Amino acid sequence: MNGISVDMNHLKKGEVNLGTSIMAVKFKDGVVLGADSRTTTGAFIANRVTDKLTQVHDKIWCCRSGSAADTQAVADIVTYHLQSYAAQNDKDPSTKVAASMFQELCYNNKDNLTAGIIVAGYDDKNGGEVYSIPLGGSLHKQDYAIAGSGSTYIYGLCQKNFKQDMTKDECVLFIKNSLAQAIKWDGSSGGVIRICILTKDGAERQIFFPDEYEADY
């Protein structure tokens, strides 16, 4: 994945996993997605700088956790179908349409996939929206969603500090603080924090280094 070739024949676990901390949060002008960048193969770190934030349409992105191969394949299929949807209907798909496509693929193939997906996007009608598709393929619309192995360490932190209608800067800070703590406590999460901000103006990418940052809480 991402140009990294791994000889997995000698490893007990051959699957490359995004064992992961991912999240997406609504704010008053859109949504912000964030993820760490560590990819593992068993106990071996296959890639320190993976990009787990994947664009599937102009203003719709997803965060991927689980099997790197499974989640990338599902994202590629959804991207193709969203392009077909836009061409056939002469309009951009909504975030809900994209999330429904992810949900259908994950549910119909739940016995064969290891894929936890968070879908977030912006459109002029609905504003920013966040949908979570955990393992098994259920679909949940949320104000914010967290997933991956690192999420178990930050449920209370997120619940305490989340606020409705945050500004963009407040939302980015909330994600930085939360993912920095997930990386600190979860051995399968690490590297840098990648962030994508989606508003009416499109996508804005940021990168953040946890070891250069002192969390406010």
N, C-alpha and C. Protein backbone atom coordinates (compact mmCIF):
# COMPACT_ATOMS: atom_id res chain seq x y z
N MET A 1 0.85 -1.20 0.00
CA MET A 1 0.00 0.00 0.00
C MET A 1 0.88 1.24 0.00
N ASN A 2 0.48 2.26 -0.74
CA ASN A 2 1.21 3.52 -0.80
C ASN A 2 2.67 3.32 -1.19
N GLY A 3 2.91 2.35 -2.09
CA GLY A 3 4.27 2.15 -2.58
C GLY A 3 5.16 1.36 -1.66
N ILE A 4 4.64 0.84 -0.55
CA ILE A 4 5.45 0.08 0.39
C ILE A 4 5.30 -1.41 0.08
N SER A 5 6.40 -2.09 -0.17
CA SER A 5 6.38 -3.52 -0.43
C SER A 5 6.81 -4.26 0.82
N VAL A 6 5.98 -5.18 1.31
CA VAL A 6 6.26 -5.87 2.55
C VAL A 6 6.31 -7.37 2.29
N ASP A 7 7.41 -8.03 2.68
CA ASP A 7 7.50 -9.49 2.60
C ASP A 7 6.81 -10.07 3.83
N MET A 8 5.64 -10.64 3.62
CA MET A 8 4.83 -11.08 4.75
C MET A 8 4.91 -12.58 4.98
N ASN A 9 5.75 -13.31 4.24
CA ASN A 9 5.77 -14.76 4.34
C ASN A 9 6.27 -15.24 5.70
N HIS A 10 7.15 -14.46 6.33
CA HIS A 10 7.73 -14.90 7.60
C HIS A 10 6.95 -14.38 8.79
N LEU A 11 5.90 -13.62 8.55
CA LEU A 11 5.14 -13.04 9.65
C LEU A 11 3.95 -13.92 10.01
N LYS A 12 3.62 -13.95 11.29
CA LYS A 12 2.47 -14.74 11.74
C LYS A 12 1.18 -14.17 11.18
N LYS A 13 1.09 -12.87 11.15
CA LYS A 13 -0.10 -12.22 10.62
C LYS A 13 0.27 -11.53 9.32
N GLY A 14 -0.33 -11.98 8.23
CA GLY A 14 0.05 -11.44 6.94
C GLY A 14 -0.73 -10.23 6.51
N GLU A 15 -1.81 -9.88 7.22
CA GLU A 15 -2.66 -8.81 6.75
C GLU A 15 -2.14 -7.45 7.19
N VAL A 16 -2.11 -6.53 6.25
CA VAL A 16 -1.68 -5.17 6.56
C VAL A 16 -2.89 -4.41 7.11
N ASN A 17 -2.75 -3.91 8.33
CA ASN A 17 -3.88 -3.29 9.02
C ASN A 17 -3.63 -1.82 9.31
N LEU A 18 -4.71 -1.05 9.17
CA LEU A 18 -4.69 0.35 9.60
C LEU A 18 -5.19 0.38 11.04
N GLY A 19 -4.36 -0.12 11.97
CA GLY A 19 -4.85 -0.25 13.33
C GLY A 19 -4.66 1.00 14.13
N THR A 20 -5.41 1.84 14.23
CA THR A 20 -5.78 3.15 13.73
C THR A 20 -6.49 3.99 14.78
N SER A 21 -6.41 5.29 14.62
CA SER A 21 -7.31 6.23 15.31
C SER A 21 -7.84 7.19 14.25
N ILE A 22 -9.15 7.17 14.03
CA ILE A 22 -9.77 8.04 13.03
C ILE A 22 -10.97 8.73 13.65
N MET A 23 -11.29 9.91 13.14
CA MET A 23 -12.49 10.61 13.62
C MET A 23 -12.92 11.67 12.61
N ALA A 24 -14.18 12.05 12.70
CA ALA A 24 -14.73 13.14 11.89
C ALA A 24 -15.73 13.89 12.75
N VAL A 25 -15.76 15.21 12.60
CA VAL A 25 -16.55 16.06 13.47
C VAL A 25 -17.23 17.16 12.67
N LYS A 26 -18.52 17.38 12.93
CA LYS A 26 -19.24 18.51 12.34
C LYS A 26 -18.88 19.80 13.07
N PHE A 27 -18.77 20.88 12.30
CA PHE A 27 -18.74 22.21 12.92
C PHE A 27 -19.69 23.09 12.12
N LYS A 28 -19.82 24.34 12.51
CA LYS A 28 -20.92 25.14 11.97
C LYS A 28 -20.82 25.40 10.47
N ASP A 29 -19.62 25.31 9.90
CA ASP A 29 -19.45 25.58 8.47
C ASP A 29 -19.07 24.36 7.65
N GLY A 30 -19.03 23.17 8.25
CA GLY A 30 -18.63 21.99 7.49
C GLY A 30 -18.26 20.84 8.40
N VAL A 31 -17.25 20.08 7.96
CA VAL A 31 -16.77 18.94 8.74
C VAL A 31 -15.25 18.90 8.71
N VAL A 32 -14.68 18.27 9.73
CA VAL A 32 -13.23 18.04 9.78
C VAL A 32 -13.00 16.55 10.01
N LEU A 33 -12.12 15.97 9.19
CA LEU A 33 -11.71 14.57 9.37
C LEU A 33 -10.28 14.53 9.85
N GLY A 34 -9.96 13.53 10.66
CA GLY A 34 -8.59 13.39 11.15
C GLY A 34 -8.22 11.94 11.32
N ALA A 35 -6.93 11.63 11.19
CA ALA A 35 -6.45 10.26 11.36
C ALA A 35 -4.96 10.26 11.68
N ASP A 36 -4.52 9.22 12.37
CA ASP A 36 -3.09 9.00 12.53
C ASP A 36 -2.54 8.40 11.24
N SER A 37 -1.27 8.00 11.23
CA SER A 37 -0.68 7.56 9.95
C SER A 37 0.09 6.25 10.04
N ARG A 38 -0.16 5.45 11.09
CA ARG A 38 0.59 4.20 11.25
C ARG A 38 -0.15 3.03 10.61
N THR A 39 0.56 2.24 9.80
CA THR A 39 0.04 1.01 9.22
C THR A 39 0.89 -0.15 9.72
N THR A 40 0.25 -1.21 10.22
CA THR A 40 0.98 -2.32 10.82
C THR A 40 0.72 -3.63 10.09
N THR A 41 1.70 -4.52 10.18
CA THR A 41 1.56 -5.91 9.74
C THR A 41 1.94 -6.76 10.94
N GLY A 42 0.95 -7.20 11.71
CA GLY A 42 1.24 -7.82 12.99
C GLY A 42 1.90 -6.81 13.90
N ALA A 43 3.09 -7.13 14.41
CA ALA A 43 3.82 -6.20 15.27
C ALA A 43 4.77 -5.31 14.48
N PHE A 44 4.80 -5.48 13.17
CA PHE A 44 5.72 -4.74 12.31
C PHE A 44 5.04 -3.50 11.75
N ILE A 45 5.69 -2.35 11.86
CA ILE A 45 5.15 -1.11 11.29
C ILE A 45 5.52 -1.06 9.82
N ALA A 46 4.53 -1.26 8.96
CA ALA A 46 4.77 -1.30 7.52
C ALA A 46 4.93 0.09 6.92
N ASN A 47 4.25 1.07 7.48
CA ASN A 47 4.31 2.43 6.93
C ASN A 47 4.02 3.41 8.07
N ARG A 48 4.88 4.40 8.23
CA ARG A 48 4.71 5.39 9.31
C ARG A 48 3.89 6.60 8.88
N VAL A 49 3.72 6.77 7.56
CA VAL A 49 3.10 8.01 7.07
C VAL A 49 1.94 7.72 6.12
N THR A 50 1.17 6.69 6.39
CA THR A 50 0.00 6.37 5.57
C THR A 50 -1.01 7.50 5.59
N ASP A 51 -1.68 7.72 4.47
CA ASP A 51 -2.80 8.68 4.43
C ASP A 51 -4.10 7.89 4.49
N LYS A 52 -4.76 7.90 5.63
CA LYS A 52 -6.00 7.15 5.83
C LYS A 52 -7.24 7.97 5.50
N LEU A 53 -7.04 9.20 5.04
CA LEU A 53 -8.14 10.05 4.60
C LEU A 53 -8.21 9.99 3.08
N THR A 54 -9.31 9.49 2.55
CA THR A 54 -9.42 9.21 1.12
C THR A 54 -10.58 10.00 0.51
N GLN A 55 -10.31 10.72 -0.56
CA GLN A 55 -11.35 11.46 -1.27
C GLN A 55 -12.13 10.51 -2.17
N VAL A 56 -13.47 10.54 -2.05
CA VAL A 56 -14.30 9.71 -2.92
C VAL A 56 -15.15 10.55 -3.87
N HIS A 57 -15.31 11.83 -3.58
CA HIS A 57 -15.92 12.78 -4.51
C HIS A 57 -15.42 14.18 -4.13
N ASP A 58 -15.87 15.20 -4.85
CA ASP A 58 -15.32 16.54 -4.68
C ASP A 58 -15.26 16.97 -3.22
N LYS A 59 -16.38 16.87 -2.51
CA LYS A 59 -16.45 17.32 -1.12
C LYS A 59 -16.89 16.19 -0.19
N ILE A 60 -16.57 14.97 -0.56
CA ILE A 60 -16.89 13.81 0.27
C ILE A 60 -15.61 12.99 0.45
N TRP A 61 -15.24 12.76 1.69
CA TRP A 61 -14.04 12.01 2.02
C TRP A 61 -14.40 10.91 3.01
N CYS A 62 -13.51 9.95 3.17
CA CYS A 62 -13.73 8.92 4.18
C CYS A 62 -12.44 8.70 4.97
N CYS A 63 -12.62 8.25 6.22
CA CYS A 63 -11.52 7.77 7.05
C CYS A 63 -11.58 6.25 7.07
N ARG A 64 -10.43 5.58 6.95
CA ARG A 64 -10.41 4.13 6.81
C ARG A 64 -9.71 3.47 7.99
N SER A 65 -10.35 2.43 8.55
CA SER A 65 -9.71 1.61 9.57
C SER A 65 -10.00 0.15 9.28
N GLY A 66 -9.11 -0.73 9.72
CA GLY A 66 -9.25 -2.15 9.44
C GLY A 66 -8.18 -2.60 8.47
N SER A 67 -8.53 -3.48 7.55
CA SER A 67 -7.59 -3.97 6.55
C SER A 67 -7.31 -2.90 5.51
N ALA A 68 -6.04 -2.62 5.25
CA ALA A 68 -5.68 -1.60 4.27
C ALA A 68 -6.21 -1.97 2.88
N ALA A 69 -6.07 -3.25 2.52
CA ALA A 69 -6.52 -3.69 1.19
C ALA A 69 -8.03 -3.59 1.07
N ASP A 70 -8.75 -4.05 2.10
CA ASP A 70 -10.22 -4.04 2.06
C ASP A 70 -10.76 -2.62 1.95
N THR A 71 -10.27 -1.73 2.80
CA THR A 71 -10.82 -0.38 2.84
C THR A 71 -10.48 0.40 1.58
N GLN A 72 -9.29 0.18 1.02
CA GLN A 72 -8.93 0.88 -0.21
C GLN A 72 -9.78 0.38 -1.38
N ALA A 73 -10.03 -0.93 -1.41
CA ALA A 73 -10.86 -1.49 -2.48
C ALA A 73 -12.29 -0.95 -2.39
N VAL A 74 -12.84 -0.90 -1.20
CA VAL A 74 -14.20 -0.38 -1.02
C VAL A 74 -14.26 1.09 -1.42
N ALA A 75 -13.27 1.88 -1.00
CA ALA A 75 -13.24 3.30 -1.35
C ALA A 75 -13.14 3.50 -2.86
N ASP A 76 -12.35 2.68 -3.53
CA ASP A 76 -12.22 2.78 -5.00
C ASP A 76 -13.55 2.47 -5.69
N ILE A 77 -14.25 1.45 -5.20
CA ILE A 77 -15.54 1.09 -5.80
C ILE A 77 -16.56 2.21 -5.60
N VAL A 78 -16.61 2.77 -4.40
CA VAL A 78 -17.55 3.87 -4.12
C VAL A 78 -17.21 5.08 -4.97
N THR A 79 -15.94 5.39 -5.13
CA THR A 79 -15.53 6.52 -5.98
C THR A 79 -16.05 6.35 -7.39
N TYR A 80 -15.91 5.15 -7.93
CA TYR A 80 -16.40 4.87 -9.29
C TYR A 80 -17.91 5.08 -9.38
N HIS A 81 -18.66 4.55 -8.41
CA HIS A 81 -20.12 4.66 -8.46
C HIS A 81 -20.59 6.10 -8.24
N LEU A 82 -19.87 6.87 -7.44
CA LEU A 82 -20.24 8.28 -7.24
C LEU A 82 -20.01 9.09 -8.51
N GLN A 83 -18.94 8.77 -9.24
CA GLN A 83 -18.70 9.44 -10.52
C GLN A 83 -19.82 9.10 -11.51
N SER A 84 -20.26 7.85 -11.52
CA SER A 84 -21.36 7.44 -12.39
C SER A 84 -22.66 8.12 -11.98
N TYR A 85 -22.90 8.21 -10.68
CA TYR A 85 -24.10 8.88 -10.16
C TYR A 85 -24.14 10.34 -10.61
N ALA A 86 -23.01 11.04 -10.47
CA ALA A 86 -22.95 12.45 -10.85
C ALA A 86 -23.20 12.63 -12.34
N ALA A 87 -22.66 11.73 -13.17
CA ALA A 87 -22.84 11.84 -14.62
C ALA A 87 -24.28 11.54 -15.03
N GLN A 88 -24.89 10.54 -14.42
CA GLN A 88 -26.24 10.14 -14.80
C GLN A 88 -27.30 11.11 -14.29
N ASN A 89 -27.07 11.73 -13.15
CA ASN A 89 -28.07 12.61 -12.54
C ASN A 89 -27.78 14.10 -12.73
N ASP A 90 -26.62 14.39 -13.33
CA ASP A 90 -26.21 15.77 -13.58
C ASP A 90 -26.21 16.61 -12.30
N LYS A 91 -25.81 16.00 -11.20
CA LYS A 91 -25.66 16.72 -9.94
C LYS A 91 -24.71 15.93 -9.05
N ASP A 92 -24.10 16.63 -8.09
CA ASP A 92 -23.19 15.96 -7.18
C ASP A 92 -23.96 15.11 -6.18
N PRO A 93 -23.42 13.95 -5.80
CA PRO A 93 -24.09 13.13 -4.78
C PRO A 93 -23.98 13.78 -3.40
N SER A 94 -24.95 13.49 -2.56
CA SER A 94 -24.90 13.96 -1.18
C SER A 94 -24.02 13.03 -0.35
N THR A 95 -23.65 13.48 0.84
CA THR A 95 -22.88 12.64 1.74
C THR A 95 -23.65 11.38 2.11
N LYS A 96 -24.97 11.50 2.25
CA LYS A 96 -25.80 10.34 2.59
C LYS A 96 -25.77 9.29 1.49
N VAL A 97 -25.79 9.72 0.23
CA VAL A 97 -25.69 8.78 -0.89
C VAL A 97 -24.37 8.01 -0.82
N ALA A 98 -23.27 8.72 -0.58
CA ALA A 98 -21.96 8.07 -0.49
C ALA A 98 -21.93 7.09 0.68
N ALA A 99 -22.45 7.52 1.84
CA ALA A 99 -22.45 6.66 3.02
C ALA A 99 -23.29 5.41 2.78
N SER A 100 -24.41 5.56 2.06
CA SER A 100 -25.27 4.41 1.76
C SER A 100 -24.56 3.40 0.86
N MET A 101 -23.74 3.92 -0.08
CA MET A 101 -22.96 3.02 -0.93
C MET A 101 -21.93 2.25 -0.12
N PHE A 102 -21.22 2.94 0.77
CA PHE A 102 -20.28 2.26 1.65
C PHE A 102 -20.99 1.21 2.50
N GLN A 103 -22.14 1.58 3.05
CA GLN A 103 -22.88 0.68 3.93
C GLN A 103 -23.32 -0.58 3.20
N GLU A 104 -23.82 -0.42 1.98
CA GLU A 104 -24.28 -1.58 1.21
C GLU A 104 -23.13 -2.54 0.91
N LEU A 105 -21.99 -1.98 0.50
CA LEU A 105 -20.83 -2.83 0.21
C LEU A 105 -20.33 -3.55 1.46
N CYS A 106 -20.24 -2.81 2.57
CA CYS A 106 -19.71 -3.40 3.80
C CYS A 106 -20.67 -4.43 4.38
N TYR A 107 -21.98 -4.17 4.30
CA TYR A 107 -22.94 -5.12 4.85
C TYR A 107 -23.03 -6.38 3.99
N ASN A 108 -23.10 -6.22 2.69
CA ASN A 108 -23.24 -7.38 1.81
C ASN A 108 -22.01 -8.27 1.81
N ASN A 109 -20.87 -7.71 2.23
CA ASN A 109 -19.63 -8.48 2.25
C ASN A 109 -19.03 -8.55 3.66
N LYS A 110 -19.91 -8.48 4.67
CA LYS A 110 -19.44 -8.37 6.05
C LYS A 110 -18.62 -9.59 6.51
N ASP A 111 -18.85 -10.75 5.90
CA ASP A 111 -18.10 -11.94 6.30
C ASP A 111 -16.71 -11.99 5.69
N ASN A 112 -16.47 -11.14 4.70
CA ASN A 112 -15.19 -11.17 3.99
C ASN A 112 -14.35 -9.91 4.17
N LEU A 113 -14.94 -8.87 4.75
CA LEU A 113 -14.24 -7.59 4.88
C LEU A 113 -13.91 -7.27 6.33
N THR A 114 -12.76 -6.65 6.52
CA THR A 114 -12.43 -6.02 7.80
C THR A 114 -12.32 -4.54 7.52
N ALA A 115 -13.45 -3.83 7.61
CA ALA A 115 -13.49 -2.43 7.18
C ALA A 115 -14.40 -1.62 8.10
N GLY A 116 -13.81 -0.66 8.77
CA GLY A 116 -14.56 0.34 9.53
C GLY A 116 -14.36 1.68 8.85
N ILE A 117 -15.45 2.31 8.45
CA ILE A 117 -15.38 3.53 7.63
C ILE A 117 -16.12 4.67 8.32
N ILE A 118 -15.55 5.86 8.28
CA ILE A 118 -16.27 7.08 8.62
C ILE A 118 -16.35 7.92 7.35
N VAL A 119 -17.56 8.30 6.95
CA VAL A 119 -17.78 9.11 5.76
C VAL A 119 -18.21 10.51 6.20
N ALA A 120 -17.58 11.52 5.66
CA ALA A 120 -17.93 12.90 5.99
C ALA A 120 -17.86 13.75 4.73
N GLY A 121 -18.76 14.72 4.65
CA GLY A 121 -18.78 15.56 3.46
C GLY A 121 -19.59 16.81 3.67
N TYR A 122 -19.59 17.65 2.64
CA TYR A 122 -20.32 18.92 2.68
C TYR A 122 -21.08 19.09 1.38
N ASP A 123 -22.35 19.51 1.49
CA ASP A 123 -23.09 19.96 0.31
C ASP A 123 -23.94 21.17 0.70
N ASP A 124 -24.35 21.93 -0.30
CA ASP A 124 -25.04 23.19 -0.03
C ASP A 124 -26.40 22.99 0.65
N LYS A 125 -27.04 21.87 0.39
CA LYS A 125 -28.37 21.62 0.96
C LYS A 125 -28.30 21.19 2.42
N ASN A 126 -27.41 20.25 2.73
CA ASN A 126 -27.37 19.65 4.07
C ASN A 126 -26.22 20.15 4.94
N GLY A 127 -25.31 20.91 4.36
CA GLY A 127 -24.14 21.34 5.12
C GLY A 127 -23.21 20.17 5.37
N GLY A 128 -22.53 20.21 6.50
CA GLY A 128 -21.62 19.13 6.86
C GLY A 128 -22.36 17.97 7.49
N GLU A 129 -21.99 16.75 7.10
CA GLU A 129 -22.61 15.55 7.66
C GLU A 129 -21.54 14.50 7.92
N VAL A 130 -21.77 13.70 8.97
CA VAL A 130 -20.85 12.62 9.35
C VAL A 130 -21.63 11.33 9.49
N TYR A 131 -21.15 10.26 8.86
CA TYR A 131 -21.77 8.93 8.96
C TYR A 131 -20.70 7.92 9.34
N SER A 132 -21.05 7.02 10.24
CA SER A 132 -20.15 5.96 10.67
C SER A 132 -20.66 4.61 10.18
N ILE A 133 -19.77 3.81 9.59
CA ILE A 133 -20.09 2.44 9.17
C ILE A 133 -19.10 1.51 9.87
N PRO A 134 -19.43 0.99 11.05
CA PRO A 134 -18.51 0.10 11.77
C PRO A 134 -18.49 -1.29 11.16
N LEU A 135 -17.64 -2.16 11.73
CA LEU A 135 -17.58 -3.55 11.27
C LEU A 135 -18.97 -4.17 11.32
N GLY A 136 -19.35 -4.86 10.27
CA GLY A 136 -20.68 -5.45 10.19
C GLY A 136 -21.59 -4.72 9.23
N GLY A 137 -21.29 -3.43 8.96
CA GLY A 137 -22.00 -2.72 7.91
C GLY A 137 -23.25 -1.98 8.32
N SER A 138 -23.40 -1.63 9.59
CA SER A 138 -24.52 -0.76 9.98
C SER A 138 -24.17 0.69 9.64
N LEU A 139 -25.17 1.56 9.64
CA LEU A 139 -24.98 2.96 9.24
C LEU A 139 -25.53 3.88 10.31
N HIS A 140 -24.72 4.86 10.74
CA HIS A 140 -25.11 5.75 11.83
C HIS A 140 -24.75 7.19 11.48
N LYS A 141 -25.74 8.08 11.49
CA LYS A 141 -25.48 9.51 11.31
C LYS A 141 -25.18 10.11 12.68
N GLN A 142 -24.07 10.86 12.78
CA GLN A 142 -23.63 11.37 14.07
C GLN A 142 -23.08 12.79 13.93
N ASP A 143 -23.06 13.51 15.06
CA ASP A 143 -22.41 14.82 15.07
C ASP A 143 -20.90 14.67 15.03
N TYR A 144 -20.39 13.61 15.66
CA TYR A 144 -18.99 13.26 15.51
C TYR A 144 -18.87 11.75 15.63
N ALA A 145 -17.84 11.20 15.00
CA ALA A 145 -17.63 9.76 15.02
C ALA A 145 -16.15 9.48 15.25
N ILE A 146 -15.87 8.45 16.05
CA ILE A 146 -14.50 8.00 16.26
C ILE A 146 -14.46 6.49 16.04
N ALA A 147 -13.34 5.99 15.57
CA ALA A 147 -13.23 4.55 15.29
C ALA A 147 -11.77 4.15 15.31
N GLY A 148 -11.54 2.84 15.22
CA GLY A 148 -10.19 2.31 15.23
C GLY A 148 -9.75 1.92 16.63
N SER A 149 -8.60 1.26 16.71
CA SER A 149 -8.13 0.74 18.00
C SER A 149 -7.88 1.86 19.01
N GLY A 150 -7.45 3.03 18.54
CA GLY A 150 -7.18 4.13 19.46
C GLY A 150 -8.42 4.81 20.01
N SER A 151 -9.57 4.57 19.36
CA SER A 151 -10.80 5.25 19.80
C SER A 151 -11.24 4.82 21.19
N THR A 152 -10.88 3.59 21.59
CA THR A 152 -11.32 3.10 22.90
C THR A 152 -10.74 3.92 24.05
N TYR A 153 -9.64 4.62 23.79
CA TYR A 153 -8.99 5.40 24.84
C TYR A 153 -9.55 6.81 24.97
N ILE A 154 -10.37 7.25 24.01
CA ILE A 154 -10.76 8.67 23.99
C ILE A 154 -12.27 8.90 23.97
N TYR A 155 -13.08 7.87 24.22
CA TYR A 155 -14.52 8.06 24.23
C TYR A 155 -14.93 9.12 25.27
N GLY A 156 -14.44 8.97 26.49
CA GLY A 156 -14.79 9.93 27.54
C GLY A 156 -14.27 11.32 27.26
N LEU A 157 -13.05 11.39 26.74
CA LEU A 157 -12.44 12.68 26.40
C LEU A 157 -13.27 13.41 25.36
N CYS A 158 -13.69 12.69 24.31
CA CYS A 158 -14.48 13.32 23.25
C CYS A 158 -15.86 13.74 23.76
N GLN A 159 -16.48 12.88 24.54
CA GLN A 159 -17.81 13.21 25.05
C GLN A 159 -17.77 14.44 25.94
N LYS A 160 -16.72 14.59 26.71
CA LYS A 160 -16.60 15.74 27.62
C LYS A 160 -16.35 17.04 26.87
N ASN A 161 -15.57 16.98 25.80
CA ASN A 161 -15.09 18.21 25.16
C ASN A 161 -15.78 18.59 23.86
N PHE A 162 -16.63 17.70 23.31
CA PHE A 162 -17.34 18.05 22.09
C PHE A 162 -18.38 19.13 22.36
N LYS A 163 -18.49 20.08 21.43
CA LYS A 163 -19.50 21.13 21.51
C LYS A 163 -20.20 21.26 20.16
N GLN A 164 -21.48 21.56 20.18
CA GLN A 164 -22.21 21.83 18.95
C GLN A 164 -21.75 23.16 18.37
N ASP A 165 -21.76 23.25 17.03
CA ASP A 165 -21.49 24.50 16.31
C ASP A 165 -20.15 25.12 16.68
N MET A 166 -19.11 24.31 16.76
CA MET A 166 -17.77 24.84 16.97
C MET A 166 -17.32 25.62 15.75
N THR A 167 -16.39 26.53 15.95
CA THR A 167 -15.73 27.17 14.82
C THR A 167 -14.75 26.18 14.19
N LYS A 168 -14.22 26.54 13.02
CA LYS A 168 -13.26 25.66 12.37
C LYS A 168 -12.04 25.43 13.24
N ASP A 169 -11.50 26.50 13.81
CA ASP A 169 -10.30 26.36 14.64
C ASP A 169 -10.57 25.53 15.88
N GLU A 170 -11.75 25.71 16.49
CA GLU A 170 -12.10 24.91 17.67
C GLU A 170 -12.22 23.43 17.30
N CYS A 171 -12.78 23.16 16.15
CA CYS A 171 -12.97 21.77 15.71
C CYS A 171 -11.63 21.11 15.40
N VAL A 172 -10.75 21.82 14.73
CA VAL A 172 -9.41 21.28 14.44
C VAL A 172 -8.67 21.01 15.74
N LEU A 173 -8.76 21.92 16.70
CA LEU A 173 -8.08 21.73 17.98
C LEU A 173 -8.65 20.53 18.73
N PHE A 174 -9.97 20.36 18.68
CA PHE A 174 -10.62 19.22 19.31
C PHE A 174 -10.10 17.91 18.74
N ILE A 175 -9.96 17.83 17.42
CA ILE A 175 -9.46 16.62 16.78
C ILE A 175 -7.98 16.41 17.10
N LYS A 176 -7.20 17.47 17.06
CA LYS A 176 -5.78 17.34 17.38
C LYS A 176 -5.58 16.82 18.80
N ASN A 177 -6.28 17.41 19.75
CA ASN A 177 -6.17 16.97 21.15
C ASN A 177 -6.57 15.51 21.30
N SER A 178 -7.68 15.13 20.68
CA SER A 178 -8.21 13.78 20.84
C SER A 178 -7.28 12.75 20.22
N LEU A 179 -6.84 13.00 18.98
CA LEU A 179 -5.97 12.03 18.31
C LEU A 179 -4.58 11.98 18.95
N ALA A 180 -4.11 13.09 19.48
CA ALA A 180 -2.81 13.07 20.19
C ALA A 180 -2.87 12.15 21.39
N GLN A 181 -4.00 12.14 22.10
CA GLN A 181 -4.16 11.25 23.24
C GLN A 181 -4.30 9.79 22.78
N ALA A 182 -5.02 9.57 21.68
CA ALA A 182 -5.16 8.21 21.16
C ALA A 182 -3.80 7.64 20.76
N ILE A 183 -3.00 8.45 20.11
CA ILE A 183 -1.66 8.02 19.69
C ILE A 183 -0.79 7.74 20.92
N LYS A 184 -0.95 8.56 21.95
CA LYS A 184 -0.14 8.40 23.16
C LYS A 184 -0.39 7.05 23.83
N TRP A 185 -1.65 6.62 23.86
CA TRP A 185 -2.01 5.44 24.64
C TRP A 185 -2.16 4.16 23.81
N ASP A 186 -2.36 4.28 22.52
CA ASP A 186 -2.59 3.10 21.68
C ASP A 186 -1.33 2.75 20.90
N GLY A 187 -0.80 1.55 21.12
CA GLY A 187 0.43 1.15 20.44
C GLY A 187 0.27 0.94 18.95
N SER A 188 -0.96 0.73 18.48
CA SER A 188 -1.18 0.52 17.05
C SER A 188 -1.40 1.82 16.29
N SER A 189 -1.47 2.94 17.01
CA SER A 189 -1.62 4.26 16.38
C SER A 189 -0.33 5.03 16.54
N GLY A 190 -0.02 5.85 15.54
CA GLY A 190 1.22 6.61 15.64
C GLY A 190 1.47 7.45 14.40
N GLY A 191 2.69 7.96 14.31
CA GLY A 191 3.05 8.80 13.17
C GLY A 191 2.54 10.21 13.33
N VAL A 192 2.06 10.77 12.24
CA VAL A 192 1.55 12.14 12.23
C VAL A 192 0.03 12.12 12.25
N ILE A 193 -0.56 13.27 12.50
CA ILE A 193 -2.01 13.44 12.42
C ILE A 193 -2.31 14.19 11.12
N ARG A 194 -3.07 13.54 10.25
CA ARG A 194 -3.49 14.19 9.00
C ARG A 194 -4.93 14.68 9.17
N ILE A 195 -5.20 15.87 8.68
CA ILE A 195 -6.50 16.51 8.84
C ILE A 195 -7.00 17.00 7.49
N CYS A 196 -8.32 16.86 7.27
CA CYS A 196 -8.97 17.41 6.08
C CYS A 196 -10.20 18.19 6.52
N ILE A 197 -10.28 19.45 6.10
CA ILE A 197 -11.39 20.33 6.43
C ILE A 197 -12.23 20.52 5.18
N LEU A 198 -13.53 20.19 5.27
CA LEU A 198 -14.44 20.30 4.13
C LEU A 198 -15.47 21.38 4.39
N THR A 199 -15.52 22.40 3.52
CA THR A 199 -16.50 23.48 3.60
C THR A 199 -17.01 23.77 2.19
N LYS A 200 -17.80 24.82 2.07
CA LYS A 200 -18.30 25.22 0.75
C LYS A 200 -17.16 25.56 -0.20
N ASP A 201 -16.00 25.89 0.32
CA ASP A 201 -14.85 26.26 -0.51
C ASP A 201 -14.04 25.05 -0.96
N GLY A 202 -14.42 23.84 -0.52
CA GLY A 202 -13.68 22.65 -0.90
C GLY A 202 -12.90 22.05 0.25
N ALA A 203 -11.81 21.37 -0.08
CA ALA A 203 -11.02 20.64 0.90
C ALA A 203 -9.73 21.40 1.23
N GLU A 204 -9.41 21.40 2.52
CA GLU A 204 -8.15 21.98 3.00
C GLU A 204 -7.43 20.91 3.82
N ARG A 205 -6.19 20.61 3.45
CA ARG A 205 -5.42 19.59 4.16
C ARG A 205 -4.44 20.23 5.13
N GLN A 206 -4.25 19.57 6.27
CA GLN A 206 -3.25 19.99 7.25
C GLN A 206 -2.54 18.75 7.77
N ILE A 207 -1.34 18.95 8.28
CA ILE A 207 -0.59 17.87 8.91
C ILE A 207 -0.05 18.37 10.24
N PHE A 208 -0.01 17.48 11.20
CA PHE A 208 0.30 17.88 12.55
C PHE A 208 1.19 16.82 13.19
N PHE A 209 2.20 17.26 13.94
CA PHE A 209 3.15 16.35 14.57
C PHE A 209 2.89 16.30 16.06
N PRO A 210 2.40 15.19 16.59
CA PRO A 210 2.00 15.13 18.00
C PRO A 210 3.13 15.44 18.97
N ASP A 211 4.37 15.04 18.65
CA ASP A 211 5.46 15.26 19.60
C ASP A 211 5.89 16.72 19.69
N GLU A 212 5.35 17.58 18.82
CA GLU A 212 5.64 19.02 18.90
C GLU A 212 4.48 19.79 19.52
N TYR A 213 3.56 19.06 20.12
CA TYR A 213 2.31 19.69 20.53
C TYR A 213 1.98 19.30 21.96
N GLU A 214 1.64 20.27 22.79
CA GLU A 214 1.18 20.02 24.16
C GLU A 214 -0.34 20.21 24.20
N ALA A 215 -1.04 19.13 24.47
CA ALA A 215 -2.51 19.18 24.48
C ALA A 215 -3.00 20.10 25.60
N ASP A 216 -4.17 20.74 25.35
CA ASP A 216 -4.74 21.63 26.33
C ASP A 216 -5.49 20.88 27.43
N TYR A 217 -5.73 19.57 27.22
CA TYR A 217 -6.40 18.79 28.25
C TYR A 217 -5.97 17.34 28.17
